[in-house]
Amino acid sequence: MIASLPYWQLTCTLDLMIRQVVRTTAGKIHRSDDLKAGEKEVAVGILRANPEFGNPHAVRCDWCHETRTLFADENDGPFARFERGWICQTCDTRAASQEIRF
Protein backbone atom coordinates (compact mmCIF):
# COMPACT_ATOMS: atom_id res chain seq x y z
CA MET A 1 0.00 0.00 0.00
CA ILE A 2 2.79 2.46 0.84
CA ALA A 3 4.47 1.88 -2.54
CA SER A 4 1.32 3.05 -4.34
CA LEU A 5 1.26 6.44 -2.60
CA PRO A 6 2.40 9.62 -4.40
CA TYR A 7 5.95 10.73 -3.54
CA TRP A 8 4.89 13.71 -1.37
CA GLN A 9 2.49 11.53 0.61
CA LEU A 10 5.10 8.79 0.99
CA THR A 11 7.62 11.33 2.31
CA CYS A 12 5.07 12.69 4.78
CA THR A 13 4.18 9.17 5.97
CA LEU A 14 7.84 8.22 6.50
CA ASP A 15 8.46 11.47 8.38
CA LEU A 16 5.56 10.69 10.73
CA MET A 17 6.82 7.15 11.27
CA ILE A 18 10.36 8.36 12.05
CA ARG A 19 9.02 10.94 14.51
CA GLN A 20 6.91 8.24 16.18
CA VAL A 21 9.98 6.03 16.73
CA VAL A 22 11.80 8.90 18.46
CA ARG A 23 8.65 9.93 20.37
CA THR A 24 8.14 6.39 21.71
CA THR A 25 11.77 6.06 22.82
CA ALA A 26 11.68 9.51 24.45
CA GLY A 27 8.54 8.54 26.36
CA LYS A 28 10.27 5.41 27.66
CA ILE A 29 13.31 7.43 28.74
CA HIS A 30 11.09 9.99 30.48
CA ARG A 31 9.21 7.24 32.36
CA SER A 32 12.45 5.31 33.08
CA ASP A 33 11.08 2.24 31.27
CA ASP A 34 13.39 -0.49 30.05
CA LEU A 35 14.69 0.04 26.52
CA LYS A 36 15.39 -2.65 23.95
CA ALA A 37 19.03 -3.18 22.99
CA GLY A 38 20.15 -0.32 20.74
CA GLU A 39 16.82 1.53 20.92
CA LYS A 40 18.30 4.72 22.33
CA GLU A 41 21.14 4.69 19.77
CA VAL A 42 18.61 4.41 16.91
CA ALA A 43 16.67 7.41 18.23
CA VAL A 44 19.86 9.44 18.69
CA GLY A 45 20.92 8.57 15.15
CA ILE A 46 17.56 9.73 13.79
CA LEU A 47 17.79 13.02 15.69
CA ARG A 48 21.35 13.62 14.46
CA ALA A 49 20.29 12.92 10.88
CA ASN A 50 17.27 15.25 11.24
CA PRO A 51 18.36 18.24 13.37
CA GLU A 52 15.23 20.16 12.33
CA PHE A 53 13.17 17.85 14.58
CA GLY A 54 14.83 19.12 17.76
CA ASN A 55 14.42 17.19 21.00
CA PRO A 56 10.95 15.92 21.96
CA HIS A 57 9.12 17.40 24.94
CA ALA A 58 6.95 15.75 27.58
CA VAL A 59 3.85 17.97 27.67
CA ARG A 60 1.35 17.69 30.55
CA CYS A 61 -1.72 19.60 31.63
CA ASP A 62 -1.73 20.00 35.41
CA TRP A 63 -5.49 20.43 35.43
CA CYS A 64 -6.77 17.41 33.43
CA HIS A 65 -3.51 15.38 33.64
CA GLU A 66 -3.43 14.72 29.87
CA THR A 67 0.11 13.89 28.71
CA ARG A 68 1.78 13.71 25.28
CA THR A 69 5.33 13.54 23.91
CA LEU A 70 5.59 16.21 21.21
CA PHE A 71 8.21 17.87 19.07
CA ALA A 72 8.43 21.67 19.21
CA ASP A 73 6.52 22.11 15.92
CA GLU A 74 3.64 19.74 16.75
CA ASN A 75 0.07 20.08 18.00
CA ASP A 76 -1.68 16.93 19.15
CA GLY A 77 -4.80 16.01 21.03
CA PRO A 78 -5.81 18.77 23.36
CA PHE A 79 -2.45 20.57 23.07
CA ALA A 80 -1.92 23.51 20.74
CA ARG A 81 1.45 25.18 20.22
CA PHE A 82 1.66 28.66 21.70
CA GLU A 83 4.39 31.34 21.66
CA ARG A 84 6.31 29.54 24.40
CA GLY A 85 5.13 26.01 24.99
CA TRP A 86 1.67 24.51 24.66
CA ILE A 87 -1.86 25.25 25.81
CA CYS A 88 -4.35 22.54 26.76
CA GLN A 89 -7.37 23.52 24.69
CA THR A 90 -9.70 21.40 26.80
CA CYS A 91 -8.87 23.29 30.01
CA ASP A 92 -7.69 26.55 28.39
CA THR A 93 -4.59 26.31 30.58
CA ARG A 94 -0.88 26.55 29.83
CA ALA A 95 0.63 23.06 29.83
CA ALA A 96 3.91 22.23 31.53
CA SER A 97 6.64 20.82 29.29
CA GLN A 98 10.05 19.29 29.78
CA GLU A 99 12.59 18.73 27.03
CA ILE A 100 13.74 15.11 26.82
CA ARG A 101 17.43 14.93 25.96
CA PHE A 102 19.12 11.75 24.80
PDB file of N, CA and C in Angstrom:
ATOM      1  N   MET A   1       0.816  -1.190   0.000  1.00  0.00           N
ATOM      2  CA  MET A   1       0.000   0.000   0.000  1.00  0.00           C
ATOM      3  C   MET A   1       0.863   1.258   0.000  1.00  0.00           C
ATOM      4  N   ILE A   2       1.934   1.274   0.777  1.00  0.00           N
ATOM      5  CA  ILE A   2       2.793   2.458   0.845  1.00  0.00           C
ATOM      6  C   ILE A   2       3.429   2.740  -0.510  1.00  0.00           C
ATOM      7  N   ALA A   3       3.822   1.692  -1.254  1.00  0.00           N
ATOM      8  CA  ALA A   3       4.473   1.882  -2.543  1.00  0.00           C
ATOM      9  C   ALA A   3       3.553   2.550  -3.556  1.00  0.00           C
ATOM     10  N   SER A   4       2.243   2.455  -3.395  1.00  0.00           N
ATOM     11  CA  SER A   4       1.317   3.050  -4.343  1.00  0.00           C
ATOM     12  C   SER A   4       0.986   4.512  -4.034  1.00  0.00           C
ATOM     13  N   LEU A   5       1.516   5.056  -2.962  1.00  0.00           N
ATOM     14  CA  LEU A   5       1.256   6.444  -2.598  1.00  0.00           C
ATOM     15  C   LEU A   5       2.088   7.392  -3.454  1.00  0.00           C
ATOM     16  N   PRO A   6       1.586   8.613  -3.711  1.00  0.00           N
ATOM     17  CA  PRO A   6       2.398   9.618  -4.400  1.00  0.00           C
ATOM     18  C   PRO A   6       3.630   9.959  -3.560  1.00  0.00           C
ATOM     19  N   TYR A   7       4.683  10.461  -4.212  1.00  0.00           N
ATOM     20  CA  TYR A   7       5.952  10.734  -3.536  1.00  0.00           C
ATOM     21  C   TYR A   7       5.776  11.651  -2.330  1.00  0.00           C
ATOM     22  N   TRP A   8       5.031  12.761  -2.480  1.00  0.00           N
ATOM     23  CA  TRP A   8       4.890  13.711  -1.367  1.00  0.00           C
ATOM     24  C   TRP A   8       4.178  13.073  -0.184  1.00  0.00           C
ATOM     25  N   GLN A   9       3.220  12.200  -0.468  1.00  0.00           N
ATOM     26  CA  GLN A   9       2.485  11.528   0.606  1.00  0.00           C
ATOM     27  C   GLN A   9       3.357  10.460   1.266  1.00  0.00           C
ATOM     28  N   LEU A  10       4.175   9.783   0.469  1.00  0.00           N
ATOM     29  CA  LEU A  10       5.102   8.792   0.991  1.00  0.00           C
ATOM     30  C   LEU A  10       6.119   9.446   1.918  1.00  0.00           C
ATOM     31  N   THR A  11       6.651  10.592   1.493  1.00  0.00           N
ATOM     32  CA  THR A  11       7.616  11.332   2.310  1.00  0.00           C
ATOM     33  C   THR A  11       6.996  11.763   3.629  1.00  0.00           C
ATOM     34  N   CYS A  12       5.776  12.250   3.573  1.00  0.00           N
ATOM     35  CA  CYS A  12       5.072  12.687   4.783  1.00  0.00           C
ATOM     36  C   CYS A  12       4.827  11.502   5.721  1.00  0.00           C
ATOM     37  N   THR A  13       4.434  10.361   5.167  1.00  0.00           N
ATOM     38  CA  THR A  13       4.181   9.165   5.965  1.00  0.00           C
ATOM     39  C   THR A  13       5.451   8.680   6.641  1.00  0.00           C
ATOM     40  N   LEU A  14       6.565   8.658   5.912  1.00  0.00           N
ATOM     41  CA  LEU A  14       7.838   8.224   6.495  1.00  0.00           C
ATOM     42  C   LEU A  14       8.298   9.183   7.583  1.00  0.00           C
ATOM     43  N   ASP A  15       8.098  10.483   7.368  1.00  0.00           N
ATOM     44  CA  ASP A  15       8.463  11.474   8.378  1.00  0.00           C
ATOM     45  C   ASP A  15       7.679  11.238   9.667  1.00  0.00           C
ATOM     46  N   LEU A  16       6.392  10.966   9.546  1.00  0.00           N
ATOM     47  CA  LEU A  16       5.563  10.690  10.733  1.00  0.00           C
ATOM     48  C   LEU A  16       6.010   9.424  11.444  1.00  0.00           C
ATOM     49  N   MET A  17       6.375   8.399  10.669  1.00  0.00           N
ATOM     50  CA  MET A  17       6.824   7.146  11.271  1.00  0.00           C
ATOM     51  C   MET A  17       8.145   7.340  12.008  1.00  0.00           C
ATOM     52  N   ILE A  18       9.063   8.094  11.414  1.00  0.00           N
ATOM     53  CA  ILE A  18      10.357   8.358  12.045  1.00  0.00           C
ATOM     54  C   ILE A  18      10.149   9.135  13.341  1.00  0.00           C
ATOM     55  N   ARG A  19       9.309  10.159  13.305  1.00  0.00           N
ATOM     56  CA  ARG A  19       9.017  10.935  14.511  1.00  0.00           C
ATOM     57  C   ARG A  19       8.405  10.050  15.598  1.00  0.00           C
ATOM     58  N   GLN A  20       7.549   9.113  15.199  1.00  0.00           N
ATOM     59  CA  GLN A  20       6.908   8.239  16.178  1.00  0.00           C
ATOM     60  C   GLN A  20       7.920   7.328  16.858  1.00  0.00           C
ATOM     61  N   VAL A  21       8.924   6.858  16.129  1.00  0.00           N
ATOM     62  CA  VAL A  21       9.981   6.028  16.729  1.00  0.00           C
ATOM     63  C   VAL A  21      10.705   6.819  17.812  1.00  0.00           C
ATOM     64  N   VAL A  22      11.089   8.057  17.492  1.00  0.00           N
ATOM     65  CA  VAL A  22      11.800   8.898  18.464  1.00  0.00           C
ATOM     66  C   VAL A  22      10.880   9.245  19.632  1.00  0.00           C
ATOM     67  N   ARG A  23       9.621   9.566  19.327  1.00  0.00           N
ATOM     68  CA  ARG A  23       8.649   9.927  20.369  1.00  0.00           C
ATOM     69  C   ARG A  23       8.443   8.778  21.361  1.00  0.00           C
ATOM     70  N   THR A  24       8.335   7.555  20.848  1.00  0.00           N
ATOM     71  CA  THR A  24       8.138   6.388  21.709  1.00  0.00           C
ATOM     72  C   THR A  24       9.349   6.154  22.602  1.00  0.00           C
ATOM     73  N   THR A  25      10.548   6.243  22.029  1.00  0.00           N
ATOM     74  CA  THR A  25      11.773   6.063  22.816  1.00  0.00           C
ATOM     75  C   THR A  25      11.909   7.152  23.860  1.00  0.00           C
ATOM     76  N   ALA A  26      11.606   8.403  23.496  1.00  0.00           N
ATOM     77  CA  ALA A  26      11.684   9.514  24.451  1.00  0.00           C
ATOM     78  C   ALA A  26      10.714   9.310  25.606  1.00  0.00           C
ATOM     79  N   GLY A  27       9.518   8.817  25.300  1.00  0.00           N
ATOM     80  CA  GLY A  27       8.545   8.536  26.357  1.00  0.00           C
ATOM     81  C   GLY A  27       9.044   7.483  27.326  1.00  0.00           C
ATOM     82  N   LYS A  28       9.708   6.459  26.793  1.00  0.00           N
ATOM     83  CA  LYS A  28      10.269   5.412  27.658  1.00  0.00           C
ATOM     84  C   LYS A  28      11.384   5.970  28.534  1.00  0.00           C
ATOM     85  N   ILE A  29      12.229   6.825  27.959  1.00  0.00           N
ATOM     86  CA  ILE A  29      13.314   7.428  28.740  1.00  0.00           C
ATOM     87  C   ILE A  29      12.721   8.309  29.839  1.00  0.00           C
ATOM     88  N   HIS A  30      11.712   9.090  29.500  1.00  0.00           N
ATOM     89  CA  HIS A  30      11.093   9.991  30.480  1.00  0.00           C
ATOM     90  C   HIS A  30      10.447   9.218  31.632  1.00  0.00           C
ATOM     91  N   ARG A  31       9.860   8.052  31.331  1.00  0.00           N
ATOM     92  CA  ARG A  31       9.207   7.239  32.365  1.00  0.00           C
ATOM     93  C   ARG A  31      10.174   6.249  33.016  1.00  0.00           C
ATOM     94  N   SER A  32      11.427   6.240  32.573  1.00  0.00           N
ATOM     95  CA  SER A  32      12.454   5.314  33.078  1.00  0.00           C
ATOM     96  C   SER A  32      12.087   3.863  32.795  1.00  0.00           C
ATOM     97  N   ASP A  33      11.397   3.613  31.678  1.00  0.00           N
ATOM     98  CA  ASP A  33      11.077   2.244  31.270  1.00  0.00           C
ATOM     99  C   ASP A  33      12.322   1.579  30.695  1.00  0.00           C
ATOM    100  N   ASP A  34      12.287   0.253  30.647  1.00  0.00           N
ATOM    101  CA  ASP A  34      13.391  -0.492  30.048  1.00  0.00           C
ATOM    102  C   ASP A  34      13.377  -0.320  28.534  1.00  0.00           C
ATOM    103  N   LEU A  35      14.557  -0.101  27.961  1.00  0.00           N
ATOM    104  CA  LEU A  35      14.689   0.044  26.519  1.00  0.00           C
ATOM    105  C   LEU A  35      15.217  -1.248  25.917  1.00  0.00           C
ATOM    106  N   LYS A  36      14.843  -1.503  24.677  1.00  0.00           N
ATOM    107  CA  LYS A  36      15.394  -2.646  23.953  1.00  0.00           C
ATOM    108  C   LYS A  36      16.843  -2.332  23.602  1.00  0.00           C
ATOM    109  N   ALA A  37      17.619  -3.371  23.333  1.00  0.00           N
ATOM    110  CA  ALA A  37      19.031  -3.183  22.988  1.00  0.00           C
ATOM    111  C   ALA A  37      19.149  -2.301  21.750  1.00  0.00           C
ATOM    112  N   GLY A  38      19.898  -1.215  21.864  1.00  0.00           N
ATOM    113  CA  GLY A  38      20.153  -0.321  20.743  1.00  0.00           C
ATOM    114  C   GLY A  38      19.037   0.667  20.434  1.00  0.00           C
ATOM    115  N   GLU A  39      17.951   0.653  21.209  1.00  0.00           N
ATOM    116  CA  GLU A  39      16.818   1.531  20.922  1.00  0.00           C
ATOM    117  C   GLU A  39      17.182   3.011  21.072  1.00  0.00           C
ATOM    118  N   LYS A  40      17.909   3.333  22.117  1.00  0.00           N
ATOM    119  CA  LYS A  40      18.302   4.725  22.333  1.00  0.00           C
ATOM    120  C   LYS A  40      19.241   5.190  21.227  1.00  0.00           C
ATOM    121  N   GLU A  41      20.182   4.330  20.804  1.00  0.00           N
ATOM    122  CA  GLU A  41      21.136   4.689  19.769  1.00  0.00           C
ATOM    123  C   GLU A  41      20.434   4.960  18.437  1.00  0.00           C
ATOM    124  N   VAL A  42      19.388   4.192  18.140  1.00  0.00           N
ATOM    125  CA  VAL A  42      18.615   4.414  16.912  1.00  0.00           C
ATOM    126  C   VAL A  42      17.951   5.786  16.956  1.00  0.00           C
ATOM    127  N   ALA A  43      17.329   6.119  18.086  1.00  0.00           N
ATOM    128  CA  ALA A  43      16.666   7.413  18.231  1.00  0.00           C
ATOM    129  C   ALA A  43      17.661   8.563  18.141  1.00  0.00           C
ATOM    130  N   VAL A  44      18.821   8.405  18.755  1.00  0.00           N
ATOM    131  CA  VAL A  44      19.857   9.441  18.693  1.00  0.00           C
ATOM    132  C   VAL A  44      20.331   9.609  17.247  1.00  0.00           C
ATOM    133  N   GLY A  45      20.515   8.506  16.547  1.00  0.00           N
ATOM    134  CA  GLY A  45      20.924   8.570  15.146  1.00  0.00           C
ATOM    135  C   GLY A  45      19.906   9.299  14.285  1.00  0.00           C
ATOM    136  N   ILE A  46      18.623   9.045  14.534  1.00  0.00           N
ATOM    137  CA  ILE A  46      17.560   9.734  13.791  1.00  0.00           C
ATOM    138  C   ILE A  46      17.597  11.232  14.077  1.00  0.00           C
ATOM    139  N   LEU A  47      17.750  11.601  15.340  1.00  0.00           N
ATOM    140  CA  LEU A  47      17.794  13.022  15.690  1.00  0.00           C
ATOM    141  C   LEU A  47      19.021  13.714  15.108  1.00  0.00           C
ATOM    142  N   ARG A  48      20.153  13.028  15.067  1.00  0.00           N
ATOM    143  CA  ARG A  48      21.351  13.624  14.461  1.00  0.00           C
ATOM    144  C   ARG A  48      21.189  13.790  12.956  1.00  0.00           C
ATOM    145  N   ALA A  49      20.513  12.845  12.324  1.00  0.00           N
ATOM    146  CA  ALA A  49      20.291  12.921  10.882  1.00  0.00           C
ATOM    147  C   ALA A  49      19.215  13.952  10.521  1.00  0.00           C
ATOM    148  N   ASN A  50      18.368  14.304  11.469  1.00  0.00           N
ATOM    149  CA  ASN A  50      17.269  15.248  11.244  1.00  0.00           C
ATOM    150  C   ASN A  50      17.281  16.330  12.319  1.00  0.00           C
ATOM    151  N   PRO A  51      18.267  17.233  12.300  1.00  0.00           N
ATOM    152  CA  PRO A  51      18.358  18.239  13.370  1.00  0.00           C
ATOM    153  C   PRO A  51      17.165  19.193  13.414  1.00  0.00           C
ATOM    154  N   GLU A  52      16.405  19.278  12.324  1.00  0.00           N
ATOM    155  CA  GLU A  52      15.235  20.158  12.326  1.00  0.00           C
ATOM    156  C   GLU A  52      14.133  19.658  13.257  1.00  0.00           C
ATOM    157  N   PHE A  53      14.161  18.381  13.637  1.00  0.00           N
ATOM    158  CA  PHE A  53      13.173  17.851  14.582  1.00  0.00           C
ATOM    159  C   PHE A  53      13.341  18.487  15.961  1.00  0.00           C
ATOM    160  N   GLY A  54      14.578  18.676  16.392  1.00  0.00           N
ATOM    161  CA  GLY A  54      14.834  19.116  17.758  1.00  0.00           C
ATOM    162  C   GLY A  54      14.561  17.970  18.721  1.00  0.00           C
ATOM    163  N   ASN A  55      14.706  18.219  19.991  1.00  0.00           N
ATOM    164  CA  ASN A  55      14.423  17.189  20.995  1.00  0.00           C
ATOM    165  C   ASN A  55      12.922  17.163  21.298  1.00  0.00           C
ATOM    166  N   PRO A  56      12.374  15.990  21.577  1.00  0.00           N
ATOM    167  CA  PRO A  56      10.954  15.918  21.956  1.00  0.00           C
ATOM    168  C   PRO A  56      10.743  16.483  23.361  1.00  0.00           C
ATOM    169  N   HIS A  57       9.497  16.828  23.645  1.00  0.00           N
ATOM    170  CA  HIS A  57       9.121  17.395  24.940  1.00  0.00           C
ATOM    171  C   HIS A  57       7.996  16.563  25.548  1.00  0.00           C
ATOM    172  N   ALA A  58       8.063  16.348  26.840  1.00  0.00           N
ATOM    173  CA  ALA A  58       6.950  15.748  27.575  1.00  0.00           C
ATOM    174  C   ALA A  58       6.033  16.899  27.963  1.00  0.00           C
ATOM    175  N   VAL A  59       4.811  16.887  27.441  1.00  0.00           N
ATOM    176  CA  VAL A  59       3.852  17.972  27.666  1.00  0.00           C
ATOM    177  C   VAL A  59       2.722  17.429  28.528  1.00  0.00           C
ATOM    178  N   ARG A  60       2.378  18.169  29.606  1.00  0.00           N
ATOM    179  CA  ARG A  60       1.354  17.693  30.546  1.00  0.00           C
ATOM    180  C   ARG A  60       0.513  18.853  31.041  1.00  0.00           C
ATOM    181  N   CYS A  61      -0.799  18.626  31.058  1.00  0.00           N
ATOM    182  CA  CYS A  61      -1.721  19.604  31.634  1.00  0.00           C
ATOM    183  C   CYS A  61      -1.883  19.270  33.111  1.00  0.00           C
ATOM    184  N   ASP A  62      -1.612  20.229  33.967  1.00  0.00           N
ATOM    185  CA  ASP A  62      -1.730  20.001  35.408  1.00  0.00           C
ATOM    186  C   ASP A  62      -3.187  19.920  35.863  1.00  0.00           C
ATOM    187  N   TRP A  63      -4.094  20.437  35.050  1.00  0.00           N
ATOM    188  CA  TRP A  63      -5.493  20.428  35.435  1.00  0.00           C
ATOM    189  C   TRP A  63      -6.171  19.100  35.107  1.00  0.00           C
ATOM    190  N   CYS A  64      -6.078  18.656  33.828  1.00  0.00           N
ATOM    191  CA  CYS A  64      -6.771  17.410  33.432  1.00  0.00           C
ATOM    192  C   CYS A  64      -5.819  16.207  33.370  1.00  0.00           C
ATOM    193  N   HIS A  65      -4.525  16.429  33.591  1.00  0.00           N
ATOM    194  CA  HIS A  65      -3.509  15.376  33.642  1.00  0.00           C
ATOM    195  C   HIS A  65      -3.275  14.663  32.310  1.00  0.00           C
ATOM    196  N   GLU A  66      -3.696  15.267  31.203  1.00  0.00           N
ATOM    197  CA  GLU A  66      -3.428  14.716  29.869  1.00  0.00           C
ATOM    198  C   GLU A  66      -1.935  14.888  29.577  1.00  0.00           C
ATOM    199  N   THR A  67      -1.324  13.866  28.973  1.00  0.00           N
ATOM    200  CA  THR A  67       0.113  13.894  28.707  1.00  0.00           C
ATOM    201  C   THR A  67       0.389  13.433  27.281  1.00  0.00           C
ATOM    202  N   ARG A  68       1.333  14.096  26.617  1.00  0.00           N
ATOM    203  CA  ARG A  68       1.779  13.711  25.277  1.00  0.00           C
ATOM    204  C   ARG A  68       3.281  13.976  25.171  1.00  0.00           C
ATOM    205  N   THR A  69       3.935  13.248  24.271  1.00  0.00           N
ATOM    206  CA  THR A  69       5.328  13.536  23.914  1.00  0.00           C
ATOM    207  C   THR A  69       5.293  14.173  22.535  1.00  0.00           C
ATOM    208  N   LEU A  70       5.700  15.441  22.457  1.00  0.00           N
ATOM    209  CA  LEU A  70       5.593  16.210  21.212  1.00  0.00           C
ATOM    210  C   LEU A  70       6.916  16.858  20.837  1.00  0.00           C
ATOM    211  N   PHE A  71       7.106  17.057  19.550  1.00  0.00           N
ATOM    212  CA  PHE A  71       8.214  17.871  19.074  1.00  0.00           C
ATOM    213  C   PHE A  71       7.771  19.327  19.085  1.00  0.00           C
ATOM    214  N   ALA A  72       8.726  20.253  19.049  1.00  0.00           N
ATOM    215  CA  ALA A  72       8.426  21.673  19.210  1.00  0.00           C
ATOM    216  C   ALA A  72       7.479  22.224  18.149  1.00  0.00           C
ATOM    217  N   ASP A  73       7.387  21.597  16.991  1.00  0.00           N
ATOM    218  CA  ASP A  73       6.524  22.108  15.925  1.00  0.00           C
ATOM    219  C   ASP A  73       5.193  21.358  15.814  1.00  0.00           C
ATOM    220  N   GLU A  74       4.829  20.584  16.831  1.00  0.00           N
ATOM    221  CA  GLU A  74       3.638  19.745  16.752  1.00  0.00           C
ATOM    222  C   GLU A  74       2.505  20.207  17.671  1.00  0.00           C
ATOM    223  N   ASN A  75       1.295  19.963  17.210  1.00  0.00           N
ATOM    224  CA  ASN A  75       0.074  20.081  18.004  1.00  0.00           C
ATOM    225  C   ASN A  75      -0.547  18.701  17.997  1.00  0.00           C
ATOM    226  N   ASP A  76      -1.044  18.242  19.117  1.00  0.00           N
ATOM    227  CA  ASP A  76      -1.679  16.931  19.147  1.00  0.00           C
ATOM    228  C   ASP A  76      -2.667  16.864  20.290  1.00  0.00           C
ATOM    229  N   GLY A  77      -3.782  16.194  20.005  1.00  0.00           N
ATOM    230  CA  GLY A  77      -4.798  16.006  21.033  1.00  0.00           C
ATOM    231  C   GLY A  77      -5.285  17.347  21.542  1.00  0.00           C
ATOM    232  N   PRO A  78      -5.307  17.505  22.838  1.00  0.00           N
ATOM    233  CA  PRO A  78      -5.812  18.768  23.365  1.00  0.00           C
ATOM    234  C   PRO A  78      -4.761  19.885  23.351  1.00  0.00           C
ATOM    235  N   PHE A  79      -3.519  19.582  22.969  1.00  0.00           N
ATOM    236  CA  PHE A  79      -2.447  20.567  23.074  1.00  0.00           C
ATOM    237  C   PHE A  79      -2.236  21.325  21.767  1.00  0.00           C
ATOM    238  N   ALA A  80      -2.195  22.642  21.879  1.00  0.00           N
ATOM    239  CA  ALA A  80      -1.919  23.510  20.738  1.00  0.00           C
ATOM    240  C   ALA A  80      -0.660  24.314  21.044  1.00  0.00           C
ATOM    241  N   ARG A  81       0.195  24.437  20.059  1.00  0.00           N
ATOM    242  CA  ARG A  81       1.446  25.183  20.215  1.00  0.00           C
ATOM    243  C   ARG A  81       1.127  26.653  20.427  1.00  0.00           C
ATOM    244  N   PHE A  82       1.829  27.258  21.365  1.00  0.00           N
ATOM    245  CA  PHE A  82       1.656  28.660  21.702  1.00  0.00           C
ATOM    246  C   PHE A  82       3.013  29.333  21.539  1.00  0.00           C
ATOM    247  N   GLU A  83       3.118  30.619  21.801  1.00  0.00           N
ATOM    248  CA  GLU A  83       4.387  31.336  21.658  1.00  0.00           C
ATOM    249  C   GLU A  83       5.525  30.603  22.354  1.00  0.00           C
ATOM    250  N   ARG A  84       5.309  30.275  23.595  1.00  0.00           N
ATOM    251  CA  ARG A  84       6.305  29.537  24.396  1.00  0.00           C
ATOM    252  C   ARG A  84       5.616  28.359  25.045  1.00  0.00           C
ATOM    253  N   GLY A  85       5.723  27.211  24.416  1.00  0.00           N
ATOM    254  CA  GLY A  85       5.131  26.010  24.989  1.00  0.00           C
ATOM    255  C   GLY A  85       3.799  25.664  24.360  1.00  0.00           C
ATOM    256  N   TRP A  86       2.951  25.005  25.136  1.00  0.00           N
ATOM    257  CA  TRP A  86       1.671  24.508  24.655  1.00  0.00           C
ATOM    258  C   TRP A  86       0.554  24.945  25.581  1.00  0.00           C
ATOM    259  N   ILE A  87      -0.656  24.973  25.037  1.00  0.00           N
ATOM    260  CA  ILE A  87      -1.857  25.252  25.812  1.00  0.00           C
ATOM    261  C   ILE A  87      -2.770  24.038  25.688  1.00  0.00           C
ATOM    262  N   CYS A  88      -3.338  23.596  26.790  1.00  0.00           N
ATOM    263  CA  CYS A  88      -4.346  22.537  26.762  1.00  0.00           C
ATOM    264  C   CYS A  88      -5.657  23.211  26.365  1.00  0.00           C
ATOM    265  N   GLN A  89      -6.150  22.879  25.185  1.00  0.00           N
ATOM    266  CA  GLN A  89      -7.366  23.522  24.690  1.00  0.00           C
ATOM    267  C   GLN A  89      -8.610  23.068  25.451  1.00  0.00           C
ATOM    268  N   THR A  90      -8.567  21.888  26.022  1.00  0.00           N
ATOM    269  CA  THR A  90      -9.699  21.400  26.800  1.00  0.00           C
ATOM    270  C   THR A  90      -9.901  22.248  28.051  1.00  0.00           C
ATOM    271  N   CYS A  91      -8.806  22.553  28.734  1.00  0.00           N
ATOM    272  CA  CYS A  91      -8.873  23.292  30.006  1.00  0.00           C
ATOM    273  C   CYS A  91      -8.576  24.778  29.844  1.00  0.00           C
ATOM    274  N   ASP A  92      -8.102  25.169  28.653  1.00  0.00           N
ATOM    275  CA  ASP A  92      -7.685  26.547  28.391  1.00  0.00           C
ATOM    276  C   ASP A  92      -6.629  26.989  29.406  1.00  0.00           C
ATOM    277  N   THR A  93      -5.650  26.096  29.607  1.00  0.00           N
ATOM    278  CA  THR A  93      -4.586  26.306  30.582  1.00  0.00           C
ATOM    279  C   THR A  93      -3.242  26.053  29.921  1.00  0.00           C
ATOM    280  N   ARG A  94      -2.231  26.792  30.340  1.00  0.00           N
ATOM    281  CA  ARG A  94      -0.885  26.551  29.825  1.00  0.00           C
ATOM    282  C   ARG A  94      -0.388  25.212  30.354  1.00  0.00           C
ATOM    283  N   ALA A  95       0.143  24.387  29.451  1.00  0.00           N
ATOM    284  CA  ALA A  95       0.630  23.059  29.830  1.00  0.00           C
ATOM    285  C   ALA A  95       2.108  23.130  30.193  1.00  0.00           C
ATOM    286  N   ALA A  96       2.501  22.322  31.145  1.00  0.00           N
ATOM    287  CA  ALA A  96       3.910  22.226  31.527  1.00  0.00           C
ATOM    288  C   ALA A  96       4.622  21.347  30.503  1.00  0.00           C
ATOM    289  N   SER A  97       5.884  21.660  30.229  1.00  0.00           N
ATOM    290  CA  SER A  97       6.640  20.821  29.294  1.00  0.00           C
ATOM    291  C   SER A  97       8.076  20.691  29.770  1.00  0.00           C
ATOM    292  N   GLN A  98       8.657  19.564  29.429  1.00  0.00           N
ATOM    293  CA  GLN A  98      10.046  19.288  29.782  1.00  0.00           C
ATOM    294  C   GLN A  98      10.719  18.679  28.569  1.00  0.00           C
ATOM    295  N   GLU A  99      11.839  19.255  28.164  1.00  0.00           N
ATOM    296  CA  GLU A  99      12.585  18.734  27.031  1.00  0.00           C
ATOM    297  C   GLU A  99      13.240  17.403  27.432  1.00  0.00           C
ATOM    298  N   ILE A 100      13.139  16.412  26.564  1.00  0.00           N
ATOM    299  CA  ILE A 100      13.739  15.110  26.823  1.00  0.00           C
ATOM    300  C   ILE A 100      15.006  15.027  25.981  1.00  0.00           C
ATOM    301  N   ARG A 101      16.150  14.999  26.661  1.00  0.00           N
ATOM    302  CA  ARG A 101      17.433  14.925  25.961  1.00  0.00           C
ATOM    303  C   ARG A 101      17.963  13.499  26.002  1.00  0.00           C
ATOM    304  N   PHE A 102      18.567  13.103  24.900  1.00  0.00           N
ATOM    305  CA  PHE A 102      19.123  11.751  24.800  1.00  0.00           C
ATOM    306  C   PHE A 102      20.573  11.763  25.189  1.00  0.00           C
TER     307      PHE A 102
END
